[in-house]
Amino acid sequence: KLNAGDELFLYTDGITEASNKEKELYGEERLLNILNKNKNIELEKIIPTIKNDISDFIQNEPQSDDTTSVLFKYNGKV
């Protein structure tokens, strides 16, 4: 059940499985941290912020999978 103001972030495993040169994974914990850290910014800025954080993490490593995500905010009944 969604309540007015709830947000839903959906993503593919390519985000959490993005890896750096040490073969470390971006991971769910890092994703959750970046979402929580930026929960008060404008909705339109959250996905670009995540994409930038993934890029910072992987540096110049090639992308091995898609990194698809979508973010919804439920505003309640219209």
PDB file of N, CA and C in Angstrom:
ATOM      1  N   LYS A   1       0.840  -1.173   0.000  1.00  0.00           N
ATOM      2  CA  LYS A   1       0.000   0.000   0.000  1.00  0.00           C
ATOM      3  C   LYS A   1       0.886   1.237   0.000  1.00  0.00           C
ATOM      4  N   LEU A   2       0.580   2.146  -0.904  1.00  0.00           N
ATOM      5  CA  LEU A   2       1.309   3.411  -0.948  1.00  0.00           C
ATOM      6  C   LEU A   2       0.450   4.513  -0.337  1.00  0.00           C
ATOM      7  N   ASN A   3       1.081   5.339   0.438  1.00  0.00           N
ATOM      8  CA  ASN A   3       0.422   6.508   1.013  1.00  0.00           C
ATOM      9  C   ASN A   3       0.902   7.750   0.292  1.00  0.00           C
ATOM     10  N   ALA A   4       0.109   8.797   0.323  1.00  0.00           N
ATOM     11  CA  ALA A   4       0.499  10.049  -0.318  1.00  0.00           C
ATOM     12  C   ALA A   4       1.883  10.474   0.164  1.00  0.00           C
ATOM     13  N   GLY A   5       2.747  10.790  -0.797  1.00  0.00           N
ATOM     14  CA  GLY A   5       4.111  11.204  -0.476  1.00  0.00           C
ATOM     15  C   GLY A   5       5.129  10.084  -0.523  1.00  0.00           C
ATOM     16  N   ASP A   6       4.679   8.834  -0.583  1.00  0.00           N
ATOM     17  CA  ASP A   6       5.607   7.701  -0.661  1.00  0.00           C
ATOM     18  C   ASP A   6       6.340   7.709  -1.998  1.00  0.00           C
ATOM     19  N   GLU A   7       7.591   7.277  -1.972  1.00  0.00           N
ATOM     20  CA  GLU A   7       8.396   7.175  -3.180  1.00  0.00           C
ATOM     21  C   GLU A   7       8.813   5.724  -3.368  1.00  0.00           C
ATOM     22  N   LEU A   8       8.914   5.320  -4.622  1.00  0.00           N
ATOM     23  CA  LEU A   8       9.287   3.955  -4.964  1.00  0.00           C
ATOM     24  C   LEU A   8      10.424   4.015  -5.968  1.00  0.00           C
ATOM     25  N   PHE A   9      11.557   3.406  -5.632  1.00  0.00           N
ATOM     26  CA  PHE A   9      12.732   3.372  -6.502  1.00  0.00           C
ATOM     27  C   PHE A   9      12.923   1.941  -6.990  1.00  0.00           C
ATOM     28  N   LEU A  10      12.894   1.748  -8.296  1.00  0.00           N
ATOM     29  CA  LEU A  10      13.097   0.442  -8.913  1.00  0.00           C
ATOM     30  C   LEU A  10      14.396   0.484  -9.710  1.00  0.00           C
ATOM     31  N   TYR A  11      15.137  -0.630  -9.701  1.00  0.00           N
ATOM     32  CA  TYR A  11      16.421  -0.638 -10.397  1.00  0.00           C
ATOM     33  C   TYR A  11      16.772  -2.060 -10.830  1.00  0.00           C
ATOM     34  N   THR A  12      17.629  -2.136 -11.833  1.00  0.00           N
ATOM     35  CA  THR A  12      18.115  -3.434 -12.280  1.00  0.00           C
ATOM     36  C   THR A  12      19.380  -3.810 -11.504  1.00  0.00           C
ATOM     37  N   ASP A  13      19.724  -5.070 -11.567  1.00  0.00           N
ATOM     38  CA  ASP A  13      20.895  -5.555 -10.823  1.00  0.00           C
ATOM     39  C   ASP A  13      22.205  -4.970 -11.336  1.00  0.00           C
ATOM     40  N   GLY A  14      22.196  -4.362 -12.511  1.00  0.00           N
ATOM     41  CA  GLY A  14      23.413  -3.738 -13.034  1.00  0.00           C
ATOM     42  C   GLY A  14      23.898  -2.605 -12.159  1.00  0.00           C
ATOM     43  N   ILE A  15      23.003  -1.988 -11.410  1.00  0.00           N
ATOM     44  CA  ILE A  15      23.420  -0.911 -10.506  1.00  0.00           C
ATOM     45  C   ILE A  15      24.192  -1.489  -9.327  1.00  0.00           C
ATOM     46  N   THR A  16      23.615  -2.438  -8.637  1.00  0.00           N
ATOM     47  CA  THR A  16      24.279  -2.986  -7.444  1.00  0.00           C
ATOM     48  C   THR A  16      25.470  -3.871  -7.798  1.00  0.00           C
ATOM     49  N   GLU A  17      25.517  -4.371  -9.035  1.00  0.00           N
ATOM     50  CA  GLU A  17      26.630  -5.223  -9.459  1.00  0.00           C
ATOM     51  C   GLU A  17      27.691  -4.479 -10.255  1.00  0.00           C
ATOM     52  N   ALA A  18      27.572  -3.152 -10.368  1.00  0.00           N
ATOM     53  CA  ALA A  18      28.630  -2.361 -11.007  1.00  0.00           C
ATOM     54  C   ALA A  18      29.896  -2.538 -10.182  1.00  0.00           C
ATOM     55  N   SER A  19      31.023  -2.758 -10.863  1.00  0.00           N
ATOM     56  CA  SER A  19      32.248  -3.043 -10.113  1.00  0.00           C
ATOM     57  C   SER A  19      33.380  -2.094 -10.491  1.00  0.00           C
ATOM     58  N   ASN A  20      34.267  -1.890  -9.520  1.00  0.00           N
ATOM     59  CA  ASN A  20      35.436  -1.041  -9.724  1.00  0.00           C
ATOM     60  C   ASN A  20      36.636  -1.905 -10.117  1.00  0.00           C
ATOM     61  N   LYS A  21      37.812  -1.286 -10.243  1.00  0.00           N
ATOM     62  CA  LYS A  21      38.994  -2.041 -10.688  1.00  0.00           C
ATOM     63  C   LYS A  21      39.436  -3.109  -9.697  1.00  0.00           C
ATOM     64  N   GLU A  22      39.033  -2.976  -8.425  1.00  0.00           N
ATOM     65  CA  GLU A  22      39.342  -3.994  -7.412  1.00  0.00           C
ATOM     66  C   GLU A  22      38.290  -5.100  -7.408  1.00  0.00           C
ATOM     67  N   LYS A  23      37.343  -5.031  -8.355  1.00  0.00           N
ATOM     68  CA  LYS A  23      36.249  -6.005  -8.497  1.00  0.00           C
ATOM     69  C   LYS A  23      35.277  -5.966  -7.316  1.00  0.00           C
ATOM     70  N   GLU A  24      35.250  -4.827  -6.602  1.00  0.00           N
ATOM     71  CA  GLU A  24      34.269  -4.630  -5.546  1.00  0.00           C
ATOM     72  C   GLU A  24      32.956  -4.203  -6.196  1.00  0.00           C
ATOM     73  N   LEU A  25      31.839  -4.660  -5.649  1.00  0.00           N
ATOM     74  CA  LEU A  25      30.536  -4.309  -6.182  1.00  0.00           C
ATOM     75  C   LEU A  25      30.020  -3.023  -5.540  1.00  0.00           C
ATOM     76  N   TYR A  26      29.267  -2.256  -6.320  1.00  0.00           N
ATOM     77  CA  TYR A  26      28.632  -1.040  -5.808  1.00  0.00           C
ATOM     78  C   TYR A  26      27.738  -1.407  -4.625  1.00  0.00           C
ATOM     79  N   GLY A  27      26.902  -2.393  -4.787  1.00  0.00           N
ATOM     80  CA  GLY A  27      26.160  -2.992  -3.684  1.00  0.00           C
ATOM     81  C   GLY A  27      24.900  -2.267  -3.244  1.00  0.00           C
ATOM     82  N   GLU A  28      24.052  -3.017  -2.581  1.00  0.00           N
ATOM     83  CA  GLU A  28      22.784  -2.493  -2.073  1.00  0.00           C
ATOM     84  C   GLU A  28      22.997  -1.490  -0.943  1.00  0.00           C
ATOM     85  N   GLU A  29      23.978  -1.737  -0.094  1.00  0.00           N
ATOM     86  CA  GLU A  29      24.226  -0.840   1.040  1.00  0.00           C
ATOM     87  C   GLU A  29      24.627   0.550   0.552  1.00  0.00           C
ATOM     88  N   ARG A  30      25.514   0.606  -0.438  1.00  0.00           N
ATOM     89  CA  ARG A  30      25.933   1.907  -0.969  1.00  0.00           C
ATOM     90  C   ARG A  30      24.749   2.608  -1.646  1.00  0.00           C
ATOM     91  N   LEU A  31      23.947   1.846  -2.392  1.00  0.00           N
ATOM     92  CA  LEU A  31      22.775   2.414  -3.041  1.00  0.00           C
ATOM     93  C   LEU A  31      21.807   2.965  -1.996  1.00  0.00           C
ATOM     94  N   LEU A  32      21.534   2.206  -0.963  1.00  0.00           N
ATOM     95  CA  LEU A  32      20.638   2.661   0.096  1.00  0.00           C
ATOM     96  C   LEU A  32      21.192   3.908   0.783  1.00  0.00           C
ATOM     97  N   ASN A  33      22.495   3.932   1.015  1.00  0.00           N
ATOM     98  CA  ASN A  33      23.116   5.101   1.647  1.00  0.00           C
ATOM     99  C   ASN A  33      22.946   6.355   0.802  1.00  0.00           C
ATOM    100  N   ILE A  34      23.165   6.249  -0.517  1.00  0.00           N
ATOM    101  CA  ILE A  34      23.046   7.422  -1.381  1.00  0.00           C
ATOM    102  C   ILE A  34      21.590   7.871  -1.473  1.00  0.00           C
ATOM    103  N   LEU A  35      20.651   6.922  -1.465  1.00  0.00           N
ATOM    104  CA  LEU A  35      19.232   7.287  -1.470  1.00  0.00           C
ATOM    105  C   LEU A  35      18.857   8.010  -0.178  1.00  0.00           C
ATOM    106  N   ASN A  36      19.261   7.463   0.954  1.00  0.00           N
ATOM    107  CA  ASN A  36      18.938   8.085   2.242  1.00  0.00           C
ATOM    108  C   ASN A  36      19.616   9.438   2.408  1.00  0.00           C
ATOM    109  N   LYS A  37      20.851   9.534   1.946  1.00  0.00           N
ATOM    110  CA  LYS A  37      21.605  10.784   2.056  1.00  0.00           C
ATOM    111  C   LYS A  37      20.942  11.899   1.246  1.00  0.00           C
ATOM    112  N   ASN A  38      20.265  11.531   0.169  1.00  0.00           N
ATOM    113  CA  ASN A  38      19.681  12.518  -0.740  1.00  0.00           C
ATOM    114  C   ASN A  38      18.158  12.510  -0.746  1.00  0.00           C
ATOM    115  N   LYS A  39      17.546  12.042   0.321  1.00  0.00           N
ATOM    116  CA  LYS A  39      16.090  11.912   0.351  1.00  0.00           C
ATOM    117  C   LYS A  39      15.363  13.251   0.348  1.00  0.00           C
ATOM    118  N   ASN A  40      16.049  14.319   0.646  1.00  0.00           N
ATOM    119  CA  ASN A  40      15.394  15.626   0.692  1.00  0.00           C
ATOM    120  C   ASN A  40      15.666  16.500  -0.524  1.00  0.00           C
ATOM    121  N   ILE A  41      16.404  15.971  -1.522  1.00  0.00           N
ATOM    122  CA  ILE A  41      16.629  16.772  -2.726  1.00  0.00           C
ATOM    123  C   ILE A  41      15.457  16.578  -3.688  1.00  0.00           C
ATOM    124  N   GLU A  42      15.392  17.425  -4.700  1.00  0.00           N
ATOM    125  CA  GLU A  42      14.313  17.331  -5.680  1.00  0.00           C
ATOM    126  C   GLU A  42      14.325  15.959  -6.336  1.00  0.00           C
ATOM    127  N   LEU A  43      13.155  15.417  -6.561  1.00  0.00           N
ATOM    128  CA  LEU A  43      12.994  14.082  -7.132  1.00  0.00           C
ATOM    129  C   LEU A  43      13.773  13.934  -8.441  1.00  0.00           C
ATOM    130  N   GLU A  44      13.754  14.977  -9.265  1.00  0.00           N
ATOM    131  CA  GLU A  44      14.412  14.927 -10.573  1.00  0.00           C
ATOM    132  C   GLU A  44      15.932  14.830 -10.473  1.00  0.00           C
ATOM    133  N   LYS A  45      16.494  15.127  -9.311  1.00  0.00           N
ATOM    134  CA  LYS A  45      17.948  15.112  -9.139  1.00  0.00           C
ATOM    135  C   LYS A  45      18.468  13.813  -8.543  1.00  0.00           C
ATOM    136  N   ILE A  46      17.574  12.955  -8.066  1.00  0.00           N
ATOM    137  CA  ILE A  46      18.021  11.748  -7.371  1.00  0.00           C
ATOM    138  C   ILE A  46      18.703  10.764  -8.315  1.00  0.00           C
ATOM    139  N   ILE A  47      18.083  10.442  -9.446  1.00  0.00           N
ATOM    140  CA  ILE A  47      18.699   9.471 -10.366  1.00  0.00           C
ATOM    141  C   ILE A  47      20.022   9.991 -10.920  1.00  0.00           C
ATOM    142  N   PRO A  48      20.124  11.259 -11.358  1.00  0.00           N
ATOM    143  CA  PRO A  48      21.448  11.743 -11.786  1.00  0.00           C
ATOM    144  C   PRO A  48      22.496  11.678 -10.671  1.00  0.00           C
ATOM    145  N   THR A  49      22.075  11.898  -9.434  1.00  0.00           N
ATOM    146  CA  THR A  49      23.004  11.800  -8.303  1.00  0.00           C
ATOM    147  C   THR A  49      23.503  10.367  -8.142  1.00  0.00           C
ATOM    148  N   ILE A  50      22.615   9.403  -8.286  1.00  0.00           N
ATOM    149  CA  ILE A  50      23.001   7.991  -8.201  1.00  0.00           C
ATOM    150  C   ILE A  50      23.943   7.636  -9.351  1.00  0.00           C
ATOM    151  N   LYS A  51      23.616   8.072 -10.562  1.00  0.00           N
ATOM    152  CA  LYS A  51      24.473   7.790 -11.719  1.00  0.00           C
ATOM    153  C   LYS A  51      25.874   8.356 -11.518  1.00  0.00           C
ATOM    154  N   ASN A  52      25.965   9.567 -10.972  1.00  0.00           N
ATOM    155  CA  ASN A  52      27.272  10.164 -10.699  1.00  0.00           C
ATOM    156  C   ASN A  52      28.038   9.384  -9.641  1.00  0.00           C
ATOM    157  N   ASP A  53      27.329   8.891  -8.633  1.00  0.00           N
ATOM    158  CA  ASP A  53      27.986   8.120  -7.582  1.00  0.00           C
ATOM    159  C   ASP A  53      28.502   6.786  -8.129  1.00  0.00           C
ATOM    160  N   ILE A  54      27.730   6.164  -9.012  1.00  0.00           N
ATOM    161  CA  ILE A  54      28.186   4.918  -9.645  1.00  0.00           C
ATOM    162  C   ILE A  54      29.435   5.189 -10.471  1.00  0.00           C
ATOM    163  N   SER A  55      29.423   6.269 -11.246  1.00  0.00           N
ATOM    164  CA  SER A  55      30.599   6.629 -12.058  1.00  0.00           C
ATOM    165  C   SER A  55      31.821   6.882 -11.193  1.00  0.00           C
ATOM    166  N   ASP A  56      31.633   7.590 -10.080  1.00  0.00           N
ATOM    167  CA  ASP A  56      32.747   7.836  -9.157  1.00  0.00           C
ATOM    168  C   ASP A  56      33.283   6.525  -8.598  1.00  0.00           C
ATOM    169  N   PHE A  57      32.394   5.590  -8.331  1.00  0.00           N
ATOM    170  CA  PHE A  57      32.785   4.302  -7.758  1.00  0.00           C
ATOM    171  C   PHE A  57      33.544   3.434  -8.756  1.00  0.00           C
ATOM    172  N   ILE A  58      33.031   3.317  -9.980  1.00  0.00           N
ATOM    173  CA  ILE A  58      33.651   2.398 -10.946  1.00  0.00           C
ATOM    174  C   ILE A  58      34.838   3.019 -11.667  1.00  0.00           C
ATOM    175  N   GLN A  59      34.976   4.347 -11.588  1.00  0.00           N
ATOM    176  CA  GLN A  59      36.042   5.071 -12.272  1.00  0.00           C
ATOM    177  C   GLN A  59      35.980   4.790 -13.779  1.00  0.00           C
ATOM    178  N   ASN A  60      37.023   4.245 -14.349  1.00  0.00           N
ATOM    179  CA  ASN A  60      37.081   4.011 -15.793  1.00  0.00           C
ATOM    180  C   ASN A  60      36.802   2.564 -16.182  1.00  0.00           C
ATOM    181  N   GLU A  61      36.278   1.779 -15.253  1.00  0.00           N
ATOM    182  CA  GLU A  61      35.980   0.387 -15.574  1.00  0.00           C
ATOM    183  C   GLU A  61      34.813   0.324 -16.553  1.00  0.00           C
ATOM    184  N   PRO A  62      34.873  -0.614 -17.493  1.00  0.00           N
ATOM    185  CA  PRO A  62      33.773  -0.721 -18.463  1.00  0.00           C
ATOM    186  C   PRO A  62      32.494  -1.210 -17.786  1.00  0.00           C
ATOM    187  N   GLN A  63      31.385  -0.727 -18.296  1.00  0.00           N
ATOM    188  CA  GLN A  63      30.078  -1.145 -17.782  1.00  0.00           C
ATOM    189  C   GLN A  63      29.795  -2.548 -18.287  1.00  0.00           C
ATOM    190  N   SER A  64      29.411  -3.454 -17.398  1.00  0.00           N
ATOM    191  CA  SER A  64      29.204  -4.846 -17.788  1.00  0.00           C
ATOM    192  C   SER A  64      27.727  -5.227 -17.875  1.00  0.00           C
ATOM    193  N   ASP A  65      26.832  -4.324 -17.460  1.00  0.00           N
ATOM    194  CA  ASP A  65      25.400  -4.619 -17.468  1.00  0.00           C
ATOM    195  C   ASP A  65      24.655  -3.291 -17.523  1.00  0.00           C
ATOM    196  N   ASP A  66      23.354  -3.361 -17.840  1.00  0.00           N
ATOM    197  CA  ASP A  66      22.577  -2.127 -17.854  1.00  0.00           C
ATOM    198  C   ASP A  66      22.409  -1.595 -16.442  1.00  0.00           C
ATOM    199  N   THR A  67      22.254  -0.295 -16.335  1.00  0.00           N
ATOM    200  CA  THR A  67      22.007   0.339 -15.041  1.00  0.00           C
ATOM    201  C   THR A  67      20.722   1.161 -15.165  1.00  0.00           C
ATOM    202  N   THR A  68      19.622   0.457 -15.207  1.00  0.00           N
ATOM    203  CA  THR A  68      18.323   1.084 -15.393  1.00  0.00           C
ATOM    204  C   THR A  68      17.646   1.331 -14.046  1.00  0.00           C
ATOM    205  N   SER A  69      17.035   2.501 -13.922  1.00  0.00           N
ATOM    206  CA  SER A  69      16.300   2.802 -12.692  1.00  0.00           C
ATOM    207  C   SER A  69      15.154   3.750 -13.013  1.00  0.00           C
ATOM    208  N   VAL A  70      14.166   3.719 -12.146  1.00  0.00           N
ATOM    209  CA  VAL A  70      13.022   4.613 -12.264  1.00  0.00           C
ATOM    210  C   VAL A  70      12.558   4.955 -10.846  1.00  0.00           C
ATOM    211  N   LEU A  71      12.094   6.175 -10.679  1.00  0.00           N
ATOM    212  CA  LEU A  71      11.674   6.649  -9.366  1.00  0.00           C
ATOM    213  C   LEU A  71      10.281   7.251  -9.491  1.00  0.00           C
ATOM    214  N   PHE A  72       9.387   6.799  -8.635  1.00  0.00           N
ATOM    215  CA  PHE A  72       8.009   7.282  -8.615  1.00  0.00           C
ATOM    216  C   PHE A  72       7.716   7.927  -7.279  1.00  0.00           C
ATOM    217  N   LYS A  73       6.870   8.935  -7.317  1.00  0.00           N
ATOM    218  CA  LYS A  73       6.330   9.510  -6.086  1.00  0.00           C
ATOM    219  C   LYS A  73       4.816   9.480  -6.203  1.00  0.00           C
ATOM    220  N   TYR A  74       4.176   8.885  -5.217  1.00  0.00           N
ATOM    221  CA  TYR A  74       2.732   8.810  -5.184  1.00  0.00           C
ATOM    222  C   TYR A  74       2.189  10.024  -4.461  1.00  0.00           C
ATOM    223  N   ASN A  75       1.427  10.832  -5.173  1.00  0.00           N
ATOM    224  CA  ASN A  75       0.902  12.053  -4.593  1.00  0.00           C
ATOM    225  C   ASN A  75      -0.478  11.898  -3.974  1.00  0.00           C
ATOM    226  N   GLY A  76      -1.031  10.716  -4.039  1.00  0.00           N
ATOM    227  CA  GLY A  76      -2.354  10.479  -3.497  1.00  0.00           C
ATOM    228  C   GLY A  76      -3.418  10.516  -4.579  1.00  0.00           C
ATOM    229  N   LYS A  77      -4.637  10.364  -4.166  1.00  0.00           N
ATOM    230  CA  LYS A  77      -5.750  10.350  -5.117  1.00  0.00           C
ATOM    231  C   LYS A  77      -5.892  11.688  -5.802  1.00  0.00           C
ATOM    232  N   VAL A  78      -6.267  11.631  -7.067  1.00  0.00           N
ATOM    233  CA  VAL A  78      -6.468  12.877  -7.821  1.00  0.00           C
ATOM    234  C   VAL A  78      -7.916  13.285  -7.766  1.00  0.00           C
TER     235      VAL A  78
END
